[in-house]
PDB file of N, CA and C in Angstrom:
ATOM      1  N   MET A   1       1.009  -1.591   0.184  1.00  0.00           N
ATOM      2  CA  MET A   1      -0.186   0.191   0.030  1.00  0.00           C
ATOM      3  C   MET A   1       0.702   1.287   0.097  1.00  0.00           C
ATOM      4  N   GLY A   2       0.728   2.056  -1.056  1.00  0.00           N
ATOM      5  CA  GLY A   2       1.225   3.632  -0.844  1.00  0.00           C
ATOM      6  C   GLY A   2       1.116   4.527   0.020  1.00  0.00           C
ATOM      7  N   SER A   3       1.862   5.406   0.018  1.00  0.00           N
ATOM      8  CA  SER A   3       1.067   6.567   1.096  1.00  0.00           C
ATOM      9  C   SER A   3       1.363   7.741   0.789  1.00  0.00           C
ATOM     10  N   LYS A   4       0.930   8.877   1.154  1.00  0.00           N
ATOM     11  CA  LYS A   4       0.693  10.092   0.559  1.00  0.00           C
ATOM     12  C   LYS A   4       1.588  11.169   1.982  1.00  0.00           C
ATOM     13  N   THR A   5       1.784  12.213   1.622  1.00  0.00           N
ATOM     14  CA  THR A   5       2.137  13.210   2.622  1.00  0.00           C
ATOM     15  C   THR A   5       1.263  14.289   2.342  1.00  0.00           C
ATOM     16  N   ILE A   6       0.558  14.638   3.685  1.00  0.00           N
ATOM     17  CA  ILE A   6      -0.167  15.775   3.720  1.00  0.00           C
ATOM     18  C   ILE A   6       0.147  17.017   4.460  1.00  0.00           C
ATOM     19  N   THR A   7      -0.218  18.340   4.620  1.00  0.00           N
ATOM     20  CA  THR A   7       0.145  19.271   5.414  1.00  0.00           C
ATOM     21  C   THR A   7      -1.297  19.747   5.913  1.00  0.00           C
ATOM     22  N   VAL A   8      -1.094  19.653   7.324  1.00  0.00           N
ATOM     23  CA  VAL A   8      -2.336  20.085   7.775  1.00  0.00           C
ATOM     24  C   VAL A   8      -1.680  21.233   9.254  1.00  0.00           C
ATOM     25  N   THR A   9      -2.711  22.051   9.567  1.00  0.00           N
ATOM     26  CA  THR A   9      -2.573  22.996  10.308  1.00  0.00           C
ATOM     27  C   THR A   9      -2.528  22.457  11.662  1.00  0.00           C
ATOM     28  N   GLU A  10      -1.992  23.123  12.637  1.00  0.00           N
ATOM     29  CA  GLU A  10      -1.651  22.813  14.152  1.00  0.00           C
ATOM     30  C   GLU A  10      -2.788  22.367  14.568  1.00  0.00           C
ATOM     31  N   GLU A  11      -4.034  23.394  14.570  1.00  0.00           N
ATOM     32  CA  GLU A  11      -5.198  23.132  14.940  1.00  0.00           C
ATOM     33  C   GLU A  11      -5.841  21.718  14.405  1.00  0.00           C
ATOM     34  N   ALA A  12      -5.626  21.706  13.059  1.00  0.00           N
ATOM     35  CA  ALA A  12      -6.388  20.307  12.680  1.00  0.00           C
ATOM     36  C   ALA A  12      -5.655  19.101  13.155  1.00  0.00           C
ATOM     37  N   TYR A  13      -4.016  19.135  13.535  1.00  0.00           N
ATOM     38  CA  TYR A  13      -3.284  17.775  13.860  1.00  0.00           C
ATOM     39  C   TYR A  13      -3.804  17.857  15.214  1.00  0.00           C
ATOM     40  N   GLU A  14      -4.087  18.814  16.023  1.00  0.00           N
ATOM     41  CA  GLU A  14      -4.531  18.664  17.611  1.00  0.00           C
ATOM     42  C   GLU A  14      -5.887  17.805  17.615  1.00  0.00           C
ATOM     43  N   ARG A  15      -6.808  18.363  16.657  1.00  0.00           N
ATOM     44  CA  ARG A  15      -8.114  17.867  16.698  1.00  0.00           C
ATOM     45  C   ARG A  15      -7.973  16.185  16.297  1.00  0.00           C
ATOM     46  N   LEU A  16      -7.242  15.817  15.373  1.00  0.00           N
ATOM     47  CA  LEU A  16      -7.180  14.643  15.076  1.00  0.00           C
ATOM     48  C   LEU A  16      -6.432  14.017  16.208  1.00  0.00           C
ATOM     49  N   LYS A  17      -5.361  14.408  16.817  1.00  0.00           N
ATOM     50  CA  LYS A  17      -4.908  13.789  17.634  1.00  0.00           C
ATOM     51  C   LYS A  17      -5.763  13.120  19.138  1.00  0.00           C
ATOM     52  N   ALA A  18      -6.855  14.398  18.901  1.00  0.00           N
ATOM     53  CA  ALA A  18      -7.624  13.846  20.072  1.00  0.00           C
ATOM     54  C   ALA A  18      -8.587  13.157  20.008  1.00  0.00           C
ATOM     55  N   HIS A  19      -8.577  12.802  18.505  1.00  0.00           N
ATOM     56  CA  HIS A  19      -9.672  11.314  18.177  1.00  0.00           C
ATOM     57  C   HIS A  19      -8.811  10.452  18.266  1.00  0.00           C
ATOM     58  N   LYS A  20      -7.653  10.272  18.058  1.00  0.00           N
ATOM     59  CA  LYS A  20      -7.012   9.145  18.183  1.00  0.00           C
ATOM     60  C   LYS A  20      -7.195   8.366  19.489  1.00  0.00           C
ATOM     61  N   ARG A  21      -7.164   7.090  19.306  1.00  0.00           N
ATOM     62  CA  ARG A  21      -7.021   5.979  20.103  1.00  0.00           C
ATOM     63  C   ARG A  21      -5.905   5.400  20.262  1.00  0.00           C
ATOM     64  N   GLU A  22      -5.617   4.748  21.559  1.00  0.00           N
ATOM     65  CA  GLU A  22      -4.347   4.014  22.193  1.00  0.00           C
ATOM     66  C   GLU A  22      -4.101   3.196  21.143  1.00  0.00           C
ATOM     67  N   GLY A  23      -3.101   2.937  20.500  1.00  0.00           N
ATOM     68  CA  GLY A  23      -2.845   2.092  19.625  1.00  0.00           C
ATOM     69  C   GLY A  23      -3.023   1.858  18.415  1.00  0.00           C
ATOM     70  N   GLU A  24      -3.706   3.463  18.091  1.00  0.00           N
ATOM     71  CA  GLU A  24      -4.253   3.364  16.803  1.00  0.00           C
ATOM     72  C   GLU A  24      -3.452   4.366  16.036  1.00  0.00           C
ATOM     73  N   SER A  25      -3.050   4.128  14.748  1.00  0.00           N
ATOM     74  CA  SER A  25      -2.060   5.092  13.937  1.00  0.00           C
ATOM     75  C   SER A  25      -3.145   6.257  13.725  1.00  0.00           C
ATOM     76  N   PHE A  26      -2.267   7.273  12.768  1.00  0.00           N
ATOM     77  CA  PHE A  26      -3.003   8.515  12.263  1.00  0.00           C
ATOM     78  C   PHE A  26      -3.857   7.925  11.223  1.00  0.00           C
ATOM     79  N   THR A  27      -3.506   7.088  10.422  1.00  0.00           N
ATOM     80  CA  THR A  27      -4.158   6.854   9.117  1.00  0.00           C
ATOM     81  C   THR A  27      -5.056   5.740   9.347  1.00  0.00           C
ATOM     82  N   ASP A  28      -5.178   4.962  10.670  1.00  0.00           N
ATOM     83  CA  ASP A  28      -6.430   4.214  11.290  1.00  0.00           C
ATOM     84  C   ASP A  28      -7.339   5.174  11.712  1.00  0.00           C
ATOM     85  N   THR A  29      -6.883   6.215  12.441  1.00  0.00           N
ATOM     86  CA  THR A  29      -7.948   6.990  12.446  1.00  0.00           C
ATOM     87  C   THR A  29      -8.423   8.173  11.661  1.00  0.00           C
ATOM     88  N   LEU A  30      -7.944   8.630  10.759  1.00  0.00           N
ATOM     89  CA  LEU A  30      -8.717   9.189   9.692  1.00  0.00           C
ATOM     90  C   LEU A  30      -9.448   8.227   8.793  1.00  0.00           C
ATOM     91  N   LEU A  31      -8.986   6.904   8.636  1.00  0.00           N
ATOM     92  CA  LEU A  31     -10.164   6.020   8.169  1.00  0.00           C
ATOM     93  C   LEU A  31     -11.316   5.655   8.547  1.00  0.00           C
ATOM     94  N   ARG A  32     -10.958   5.499  10.279  1.00  0.00           N
ATOM     95  CA  ARG A  32     -12.619   5.379  11.092  1.00  0.00           C
ATOM     96  C   ARG A  32     -13.429   6.876  10.934  1.00  0.00           C
ATOM     97  N   LEU A  33     -12.813   7.830  10.863  1.00  0.00           N
ATOM     98  CA  LEU A  33     -13.342   9.221  11.135  1.00  0.00           C
ATOM     99  C   LEU A  33     -14.006   9.399   9.760  1.00  0.00           C
ATOM    100  N   ALA A  34     -13.587   9.237   8.684  1.00  0.00           N
ATOM    101  CA  ALA A  34     -14.033   9.466   7.584  1.00  0.00           C
ATOM    102  C   ALA A  34     -14.814   8.213   6.625  1.00  0.00           C
ATOM    103  N   GLY A  35     -15.033   7.480   7.424  1.00  0.00           N
ATOM    104  CA  GLY A  35     -15.636   5.951   6.916  1.00  0.00           C
ATOM    105  C   GLY A  35     -16.958   6.081   6.815  1.00  0.00           C
ATOM    106  N   GLU A  36     -17.337   5.089   5.612  1.00  0.00           N
ATOM    107  CA  GLU A  36     -19.057   5.228   5.268  1.00  0.00           C
ATOM    108  C   GLU A  36     -19.794   5.555   6.407  1.00  0.00           C
ATOM    109  N   ARG A  37     -20.894   6.471   6.073  1.00  0.00           N
ATOM    110  CA  ARG A  37     -21.806   6.772   7.011  1.00  0.00           C
ATOM    111  C   ARG A  37     -22.886   5.650   7.076  1.00  0.00           C
ATOM    112  N   GLY A  38     -23.932   5.938   7.877  1.00  0.00           N
ATOM    113  CA  GLY A  38     -25.047   5.012   7.624  1.00  0.00           C
ATOM    114  C   GLY A  38     -25.034   3.936   8.925  1.00  0.00           C
ATOM    115  N   GLY A  39     -24.125   4.342  10.007  1.00  0.00           N
ATOM    116  CA  GLY A  39     -23.952   3.769  11.062  1.00  0.00           C
ATOM    117  C   GLY A  39     -25.153   4.003  12.307  1.00  0.00           C
ATOM    118  N   ARG A  40     -24.945   3.458  13.264  1.00  0.00           N
ATOM    119  CA  ARG A  40     -25.817   3.764  14.407  1.00  0.00           C
ATOM    120  C   ARG A  40     -25.511   5.293  14.741  1.00  0.00           C
ATOM    121  N   TRP A  41     -24.306   5.526  15.105  1.00  0.00           N
ATOM    122  CA  TRP A  41     -24.214   6.888  15.550  1.00  0.00           C
ATOM    123  C   TRP A  41     -24.069   8.101  14.451  1.00  0.00           C
ATOM    124  N   ASP A  42     -24.216   7.662  13.272  1.00  0.00           N
ATOM    125  CA  ASP A  42     -24.034   8.735  12.122  1.00  0.00           C
ATOM    126  C   ASP A  42     -25.098   9.720  12.511  1.00  0.00           C
ATOM    127  N   GLY A  43     -24.390  11.099  12.580  1.00  0.00           N
ATOM    128  CA  GLY A  43     -24.886  11.975  12.710  1.00  0.00           C
ATOM    129  C   GLY A  43     -25.373  12.484  14.492  1.00  0.00           C
ATOM    130  N   TYR A  44     -24.920  11.876  15.239  1.00  0.00           N
ATOM    131  CA  TYR A  44     -24.678  11.848  16.915  1.00  0.00           C
ATOM    132  C   TYR A  44     -24.120  13.016  16.953  1.00  0.00           C
ATOM    133  N   GLY A  45     -24.827  14.211  17.926  1.00  0.00           N
ATOM    134  CA  GLY A  45     -24.194  15.290  18.109  1.00  0.00           C
ATOM    135  C   GLY A  45     -24.261  16.564  17.233  1.00  0.00           C
ATOM    136  N   SER A  46     -24.898  16.168  16.160  1.00  0.00           N
ATOM    137  CA  SER A  46     -25.082  17.188  15.305  1.00  0.00           C
ATOM    138  C   SER A  46     -26.384  17.773  15.182  1.00  0.00           C
ATOM    139  N   LEU A  47     -27.300  17.979  15.964  1.00  0.00           N
ATOM    140  CA  LEU A  47     -28.576  18.437  15.970  1.00  0.00           C
ATOM    141  C   LEU A  47     -28.661  19.925  15.414  1.00  0.00           C
ATOM    142  N   ARG A  48     -29.395  20.201  14.445  1.00  0.00           N
ATOM    143  CA  ARG A  48     -29.431  21.655  14.114  1.00  0.00           C
ATOM    144  C   ARG A  48     -30.041  22.380  14.833  1.00  0.00           C
ATOM    145  N   ASP A  49     -31.110  21.823  15.626  1.00  0.00           N
ATOM    146  CA  ASP A  49     -32.015  22.509  16.508  1.00  0.00           C
ATOM    147  C   ASP A  49     -31.575  22.189  17.898  1.00  0.00           C
ATOM    148  N   ALA A  50     -30.740  22.562  18.619  1.00  0.00           N
ATOM    149  CA  ALA A  50     -30.475  22.163  19.928  1.00  0.00           C
ATOM    150  C   ALA A  50     -31.194  22.581  20.882  1.00  0.00           C
ATOM    151  N   ASP A  51     -31.655  23.677  20.615  1.00  0.00           N
ATOM    152  CA  ASP A  51     -32.799  24.478  21.772  1.00  0.00           C
ATOM    153  C   ASP A  51     -33.777  23.547  21.774  1.00  0.00           C
ATOM    154  N   GLY A  52     -34.305  23.103  20.605  1.00  0.00           N
ATOM    155  CA  GLY A  52     -35.472  22.784  20.380  1.00  0.00           C
ATOM    156  C   GLY A  52     -35.395  21.208  21.189  1.00  0.00           C
ATOM    157  N   PHE A  53     -34.140  20.864  21.328  1.00  0.00           N
ATOM    158  CA  PHE A  53     -34.187  19.376  21.842  1.00  0.00           C
ATOM    159  C   PHE A  53     -33.982  19.655  22.819  1.00  0.00           C
ATOM    160  N   ARG A  54     -33.265  19.990  23.786  1.00  0.00           N
ATOM    161  CA  ARG A  54     -33.322  20.717  24.777  1.00  0.00           C
ATOM    162  C   ARG A  54     -34.417  20.866  25.582  1.00  0.00           C
ATOM    163  N   THR A  55     -35.664  21.359  24.644  1.00  0.00           N
ATOM    164  CA  THR A  55     -36.782  21.846  25.491  1.00  0.00           C
ATOM    165  C   THR A  55     -37.288  20.277  25.476  1.00  0.00           C
ATOM    166  N   ALA A  56     -37.201  19.620  24.230  1.00  0.00           N
ATOM    167  CA  ALA A  56     -38.053  18.308  24.352  1.00  0.00           C
ATOM    168  C   ALA A  56     -37.777  17.460  25.516  1.00  0.00           C
ATOM    169  N   VAL A  57     -36.613  17.240  25.663  1.00  0.00           N
ATOM    170  CA  VAL A  57     -35.728  16.694  26.898  1.00  0.00           C
ATOM    171  C   VAL A  57     -36.409  17.056  28.494  1.00  0.00           C
ATOM    172  N   GLU A  58     -36.360  18.354  28.629  1.00  0.00           N
ATOM    173  CA  GLU A  58     -36.679  18.925  29.575  1.00  0.00           C
ATOM    174  C   GLU A  58     -38.252  18.650  29.702  1.00  0.00           C
ATOM    175  N   GLU A  59     -38.900  18.781  28.640  1.00  0.00           N
ATOM    176  CA  GLU A  59     -40.727  18.367  28.886  1.00  0.00           C
ATOM    177  C   GLU A  59     -40.927  16.798  29.278  1.00  0.00           C
ATOM    178  N   GLY A  60     -39.805  15.961  28.372  1.00  0.00           N
ATOM    179  CA  GLY A  60     -39.976  14.594  28.641  1.00  0.00           C
ATOM    180  C   GLY A  60     -39.606  14.129  30.391  1.00  0.00           C
ATOM    181  N   ARG A  61     -38.597  15.031  30.812  1.00  0.00           N
ATOM    182  CA  ARG A  61     -38.175  14.689  32.190  1.00  0.00           C
ATOM    183  C   ARG A  61     -39.415  15.361  33.069  1.00  0.00           C
ATOM    184  N   GLU A  62     -40.083  16.057  33.002  1.00  0.00           N
ATOM    185  CA  GLU A  62     -40.906  16.324  33.725  1.00  0.00           C
ATOM    186  C   GLU A  62     -42.340  15.557  33.654  1.00  0.00           C
ATOM    187  N   THR A  63     -42.273  15.186  32.393  1.00  0.00           N
ATOM    188  CA  THR A  63     -43.674  14.207  32.291  1.00  0.00           C
ATOM    189  C   THR A  63     -43.344  12.711  33.136  1.00  0.00           C
ATOM    190  N   PHE A  64     -42.132  12.602  32.940  1.00  0.00           N
ATOM    191  CA  PHE A  64     -41.728  11.261  33.657  1.00  0.00           C
ATOM    192  C   PHE A  64     -41.494  11.370  34.985  1.00  0.00           C
ATOM    193  N   ASP A  65     -41.224  12.711  35.654  1.00  0.00           N
ATOM    194  CA  ASP A  65     -41.236  12.719  36.957  1.00  0.00           C
ATOM    195  C   ASP A  65     -42.804  12.729  37.664  1.00  0.00           C
ATOM    196  N   GLU A  66     -43.501  13.341  36.854  1.00  0.00           N
ATOM    197  CA  GLU A  66     -45.034  13.495  37.253  1.00  0.00           C
ATOM    198  C   GLU A  66     -45.416  11.904  37.514  1.00  0.00           C
ATOM    199  N   ASP A  67     -45.408  11.611  36.349  1.00  0.00           N
ATOM    200  CA  ASP A  67     -45.623  10.059  36.093  1.00  0.00           C
ATOM    201  C   ASP A  67     -45.438   9.204  37.282  1.00  0.00           C
ATOM    202  N   ALA A  68     -43.997   9.385  37.557  1.00  0.00           N
ATOM    203  CA  ALA A  68     -43.460   8.848  38.491  1.00  0.00           C
ATOM    204  C   ALA A  68     -43.865   9.056  40.140  1.00  0.00           C
ATOM    205  N   ILE A  69     -44.224  10.356  40.309  1.00  0.00           N
ATOM    206  CA  ILE A  69     -44.906  10.411  41.392  1.00  0.00           C
ATOM    207  C   ILE A  69     -46.427  10.028  41.713  1.00  0.00           C
ATOM    208  N   ASP A  70     -46.954   9.810  40.483  1.00  0.00           N
ATOM    209  CA  ASP A  70     -48.303   9.297  40.594  1.00  0.00           C
ATOM    210  C   ASP A  70     -48.179   7.713  40.601  1.00  0.00           C
ATOM    211  N   ARG A  71     -47.495   7.248  40.102  1.00  0.00           N
ATOM    212  CA  ARG A  71     -47.263   5.728  40.267  1.00  0.00           C
ATOM    213  C   ARG A  71     -46.844   5.622  41.633  1.00  0.00           C
ATOM    214  N   HIS A  72     -46.141   6.368  42.372  1.00  0.00           N
ATOM    215  CA  HIS A  72     -45.654   6.200  43.595  1.00  0.00           C
ATOM    216  C   HIS A  72     -46.750   6.230  44.680  1.00  0.00           C
ATOM    217  N   GLN A  73     -47.553   7.421  44.287  1.00  0.00           N
ATOM    218  CA  GLN A  73     -48.756   7.681  45.191  1.00  0.00           C
ATOM    219  C   GLN A  73     -49.964   6.498  45.222  1.00  0.00           C
ATOM    220  N   ARG A  74     -50.259   6.013  43.852  1.00  0.00           N
ATOM    221  CA  ARG A  74     -50.802   5.197  43.842  1.00  0.00           C
ATOM    222  C   ARG A  74     -50.757   3.612  44.474  1.00  0.00           C
ATOM    223  N   ILE A  75     -49.132   3.206  44.270  1.00  0.00           N
ATOM    224  CA  ILE A  75     -48.721   2.226  44.966  1.00  0.00           C
ATOM    225  C   ILE A  75     -48.915   2.051  46.450  1.00  0.00           C
ATOM    226  N   PHE A  76     -48.300   3.260  46.970  1.00  0.00           N
ATOM    227  CA  PHE A  76     -48.035   3.272  48.332  1.00  0.00           C
ATOM    228  C   PHE A  76     -49.141   4.208  48.945  1.00  0.00           C
ATOM    229  N   GLY A  77     -49.756   4.932  48.470  1.00  0.00           N
ATOM    230  CA  GLY A  77     -50.726   5.906  48.967  1.00  0.00           C
ATOM    231  C   GLY A  77     -50.226   7.068  49.930  1.00  0.00           C
ATOM    232  N   THR A  78     -49.317   7.477  49.757  1.00  0.00           N
ATOM    233  CA  THR A  78     -48.661   8.684  50.286  1.00  0.00           C
ATOM    234  C   THR A  78     -48.534   9.551  48.986  1.00  0.00           C
ATOM    235  N   ASP A  79     -48.400  10.976  49.897  1.00  0.00           N
ATOM    236  CA  ASP A  79     -47.945  12.049  49.041  1.00  0.00           C
ATOM    237  C   ASP A  79     -46.726  12.451  49.005  1.00  0.00           C
ATOM    238  N   ASP A  80     -45.471  11.860  49.827  1.00  0.00           N
ATOM    239  CA  ASP A  80     -44.268  12.229  50.057  1.00  0.00           C
ATOM    240  C   ASP A  80     -43.469  11.045  49.001  1.00  0.00           C
ATOM    241  N   ALA A  81     -43.532  11.430  48.056  1.00  0.00           N
ATOM    242  CA  ALA A  81     -42.710  10.707  46.684  1.00  0.00           C
ATOM    243  C   ALA A  81     -41.391  11.359  46.574  1.00  0.00           C
TER     244      ALA A  81
END
């Protein structure tokens, strides 16, 4: 297999280095990061509407908490959940 030399900025090098796993070569890191899309985690962390997501999570947590308190009260018959 042949090889190529590329020039990258210090910032690009540091970012790549931060993604490099123990025992992994830079070539392996580049191939992993530039791999084919469609995996389970594809797009993870790249939400366009982070505020909308945050709101949905907060509302979900509130609903979960309310449901948990309701279940606790029905099961144990107390108000101190």
